[in-house]
Protein backbone atom coordinates (compact mmCIF):
# COMPACT_ATOMS: atom_id res chain seq x y z
CA MET A 1 19.79 22.20 1.07
CA THR A 2 21.46 21.00 -2.13
CA PRO A 3 22.17 17.54 -3.56
CA GLU A 4 25.86 18.12 -2.92
CA LYS A 5 25.28 18.97 0.74
CA LEU A 6 23.05 15.93 1.22
CA ARG A 7 25.73 13.66 -0.25
CA ALA A 8 28.32 15.28 1.97
CA LEU A 9 26.13 14.58 5.02
CA TYR A 10 25.25 10.98 4.15
CA GLY A 11 28.09 9.83 1.92
CA GLU A 12 27.86 7.92 -1.33
CA GLN A 13 25.53 4.95 -1.65
CA SER A 14 27.13 1.56 -1.53
CA PRO A 15 27.75 -0.31 -4.80
CA VAL A 16 25.26 -2.99 -3.72
CA ALA A 17 22.55 -0.38 -3.01
CA ALA A 18 23.12 1.13 -6.44
CA ALA A 19 23.12 -2.23 -8.23
CA LYS A 20 20.12 -3.83 -6.49
CA VAL A 21 17.52 -1.94 -8.57
CA ILE A 22 15.94 -4.17 -11.23
CA SER A 23 13.07 -3.67 -13.69
CA THR A 24 11.50 -7.14 -13.84
CA PHE A 25 9.99 -9.38 -11.18
CA ASP A 26 12.45 -12.21 -10.51
CA ASP A 27 11.70 -15.25 -8.32
CA HIS A 28 12.52 -13.32 -5.13
CA CYS A 29 10.13 -10.48 -6.01
CA ARG A 30 7.38 -12.90 -7.02
CA ALA A 31 7.71 -14.77 -3.74
CA PHE A 32 7.63 -11.52 -1.77
CA ILE A 33 4.49 -10.31 -3.55
CA LYS A 34 2.84 -13.73 -3.23
CA HIS A 35 3.22 -13.64 0.56
CA SER A 36 2.46 -9.95 1.03
CA THR A 37 -0.81 -9.03 2.73
CA PHE A 38 -0.34 -5.26 2.68
CA VAL A 39 0.81 -2.67 0.15
CA VAL A 40 0.85 1.12 0.32
CA ILE A 41 0.38 2.98 -2.96
CA GLY A 42 1.77 6.49 -3.36
CA THR A 43 0.34 8.82 -6.03
CA PHE A 44 0.78 12.48 -6.99
CA ASN A 45 -1.37 14.58 -9.34
CA GLY A 46 1.06 17.46 -9.60
CA GLU A 47 -0.34 19.25 -6.55
CA LYS A 48 -1.68 16.66 -4.13
CA LEU A 49 0.11 13.62 -2.72
CA ASP A 50 -1.75 10.54 -1.51
CA LEU A 51 -0.78 7.31 0.23
CA SER A 52 -3.39 4.58 0.06
CA PRO A 53 -3.17 1.31 2.03
CA LYS A 54 -4.39 -1.92 0.41
CA GLY A 55 -4.70 -5.21 2.25
CA ASP A 56 -6.11 -8.67 1.61
CA PRO A 57 -5.08 -12.29 2.19
CA ALA A 58 -1.60 -13.19 0.96
CA GLY A 59 -1.44 -13.41 -2.81
CA PHE A 60 -4.02 -10.69 -3.44
CA VAL A 61 -1.64 -8.86 -5.78
CA GLU A 62 -1.04 -10.80 -9.00
CA VAL A 63 2.18 -10.69 -10.98
CA GLU A 64 0.70 -10.52 -14.47
CA SER A 65 3.95 -10.48 -16.45
CA GLU A 66 7.66 -9.95 -15.96
CA ASN A 67 7.08 -6.26 -15.19
CA GLN A 68 3.35 -5.85 -14.53
CA LEU A 69 1.18 -6.25 -11.43
CA LEU A 70 -2.58 -6.33 -10.89
CA ILE A 71 -3.93 -4.85 -7.63
CA PRO A 72 -7.66 -5.03 -6.77
CA ASP A 73 -9.33 -1.99 -5.24
CA ARG A 74 -11.72 -2.98 -2.43
CA PRO A 75 -14.59 -0.92 -0.92
CA GLY A 76 -13.41 2.01 1.15
CA ASN A 77 -14.47 5.56 1.91
CA ARG A 78 -15.10 6.39 -1.77
CA ARG A 79 -12.85 9.47 -1.65
CA LEU A 80 -10.88 8.01 -4.60
CA ASP A 81 -7.88 10.27 -3.89
CA GLY A 82 -5.30 7.87 -5.29
CA LEU A 83 -7.38 6.80 -8.29
CA MET A 84 -8.12 10.42 -9.20
CA ASN A 85 -4.41 11.21 -8.94
CA ILE A 86 -3.59 8.34 -11.30
CA LEU A 87 -5.98 9.75 -13.92
CA GLN A 88 -3.88 12.94 -13.95
CA ASN A 89 -0.44 11.41 -13.33
CA PRO A 90 0.05 7.64 -13.71
CA ASN A 91 3.36 7.51 -11.81
CA VAL A 92 3.04 5.44 -8.63
CA ALA A 93 5.25 4.11 -5.85
CA LEU A 94 4.44 0.90 -3.95
CA ILE A 95 5.80 -0.62 -0.77
CA PHE A 96 4.92 -4.25 0.01
CA MET A 97 4.98 -5.71 3.52
CA ILE A 98 4.79 -9.25 4.92
CA PRO A 99 3.88 -9.70 8.60
CA GLY A 100 6.97 -10.86 10.49
CA VAL A 101 9.39 -9.99 7.66
CA THR A 102 11.39 -6.86 8.43
CA GLU A 103 12.41 -6.15 4.84
CA THR A 104 10.02 -4.51 2.37
CA LEU A 105 9.74 -4.55 -1.42
CA ARG A 106 9.49 -1.27 -3.31
CA VAL A 107 8.12 -0.84 -6.82
CA ASN A 108 8.08 2.41 -8.80
CA GLY A 109 6.17 2.50 -12.06
CA VAL A 110 3.12 3.68 -13.96
CA ALA A 111 -0.47 2.64 -13.32
CA GLU A 112 -3.67 2.34 -15.31
CA ILE A 113 -7.16 1.76 -13.93
CA LEU A 114 -9.03 -1.23 -15.34
CA ASP A 115 -12.74 -1.98 -14.96
CA ASP A 116 -12.93 -4.94 -17.33
CA ALA A 117 -15.34 -7.46 -15.79
CA ASP A 118 -13.18 -10.46 -16.66
CA ILE A 119 -10.19 -9.00 -14.84
CA CYS A 120 -12.21 -7.75 -11.84
CA ASP A 121 -13.92 -11.14 -11.46
CA ARG A 122 -10.53 -12.81 -11.02
CA PHE A 123 -10.22 -10.99 -7.69
CA LYS A 124 -13.59 -11.91 -6.21
CA ILE A 125 -13.77 -12.54 -2.47
CA ASN A 126 -17.07 -13.66 -0.94
CA ASP A 127 -18.57 -13.40 -4.43
CA ARG A 128 -17.79 -9.68 -4.57
CA ALA A 129 -15.51 -8.37 -7.27
CA PRO A 130 -13.61 -5.10 -6.93
CA LYS A 131 -14.97 -2.21 -8.99
CA THR A 132 -11.52 -1.60 -10.48
CA VAL A 133 -8.09 -3.20 -10.68
CA LEU A 134 -4.83 -1.30 -11.02
CA ARG A 135 -2.30 -2.52 -13.55
CA VAL A 136 1.15 -1.27 -12.54
CA THR A 137 4.01 -1.48 -15.01
CA ALA A 138 7.24 -1.48 -13.04
CA ARG A 139 10.19 0.72 -13.89
CA GLU A 140 12.21 0.18 -10.72
CA ILE A 141 12.03 -2.71 -8.26
CA LEU A 142 14.16 -3.00 -5.15
CA VAL A 143 14.22 -4.72 -1.79
CA HIS A 144 14.56 -2.37 1.18
CA CYS A 145 16.44 -3.23 4.37
CA GLY A 146 14.50 -3.92 7.58
CA LYS A 147 16.00 -1.23 9.84
CA ALA A 148 12.90 1.00 9.98
CA PRO A 149 10.43 -1.79 10.93
CA ILE A 150 12.94 -3.06 13.52
CA ARG A 151 13.33 0.42 15.00
CA ALA A 152 9.52 0.78 15.06
CA GLY A 153 8.94 -2.62 16.68
CA LEU A 154 6.41 -3.16 13.90
CA TRP A 155 6.45 -6.97 14.12
CA GLN A 156 7.47 -7.23 17.79
CA PRO A 157 4.29 -7.77 19.88
CA GLU A 158 6.15 -7.12 23.13
CA THR A 159 6.60 -3.48 22.02
CA TRP A 160 2.94 -2.94 21.09
CA PRO A 161 0.63 -0.86 23.34
CA GLN A 162 -1.47 -2.97 25.70
CA THR A 163 -4.55 -0.81 25.11
CA ARG A 164 -5.66 1.37 22.21
CA PRO A 165 -3.73 4.65 22.63
CA VAL A 166 -5.92 6.81 20.36
CA ALA A 167 -9.60 7.61 19.97
CA THR A 168 -11.90 5.38 17.91
CA LEU A 169 -12.30 6.04 14.19
CA PHE A 170 -15.82 7.40 14.71
CA GLU A 171 -14.68 9.73 17.51
CA MET A 172 -11.99 11.17 15.25
CA MET A 173 -14.41 11.45 12.31
CA ARG A 174 -16.99 13.21 14.52
CA ASP A 175 -14.45 15.72 15.82
CA HIS A 176 -12.79 16.35 12.46
CA SER A 177 -16.05 16.78 10.57
CA ALA A 178 -18.11 18.45 13.33
CA MET A 179 -20.91 16.07 12.37
CA GLU A 180 -22.99 14.08 14.83
CA LEU A 181 -22.61 10.29 14.51
CA VAL A 182 -24.98 7.64 15.85
CA SER A 183 -22.21 5.93 17.83
CA VAL A 184 -18.54 6.54 18.48
CA GLU A 185 -17.83 3.24 20.27
CA GLN A 186 -15.15 0.91 18.92
CA GLY A 187 -17.73 -1.89 18.79
CA ALA A 188 -19.72 0.12 16.25
CA VAL A 189 -16.56 0.65 14.21
CA ASP A 190 -15.82 -3.08 14.24
CA LYS A 191 -19.40 -3.88 13.11
CA SER A 192 -19.12 -1.43 10.23
CA TYR A 193 -15.88 -3.07 9.11
CA LYS A 194 -17.52 -6.51 9.07
CA LYS A 195 -20.43 -5.22 6.99
CA SER A 196 -18.34 -3.46 4.36
CA LEU A 197 -15.05 -5.40 4.24
CA TYR A 198 -15.89 -6.79 0.79
């Protein structure tokens, strides 16, 4: 496949699609980020790609300046894949989502990892501060149309499965790791989430 063949297959991008990319957070972007409860962060260290989901109550990502964001990093599995990637290659890609809104907001930029106590304390929830906060300096910002979420039925409850269609987290972890776990029931998973959410 070549760039020329791809363009021949898909055609040229529309003038609006080409012109919609901006480099600072205008009022529309700020409103989108303020109401977003979920962002996926893409990183690449030169060999290994990683996508890391981040979620909190709306407003958890702070627009620090006209082109910078602050994103708290909450407790997780401590693999640190994305953070380790950023140490080697600071380029990141973000996609913000708002429940019920089909469009998404994309941000491409560079990230740095902050552990300054004053900054981390600004993101406390239940008196627990994140260990680090990402500062992302945007290079490209663009709104993305809602066709993919509509096709997926992402915000359409009538299309959602009535029962869980996959194994529990602990069942998958047990089978993938070949390690014995105390419990594989979904109730145990839910309890663990409550204990370690913040």
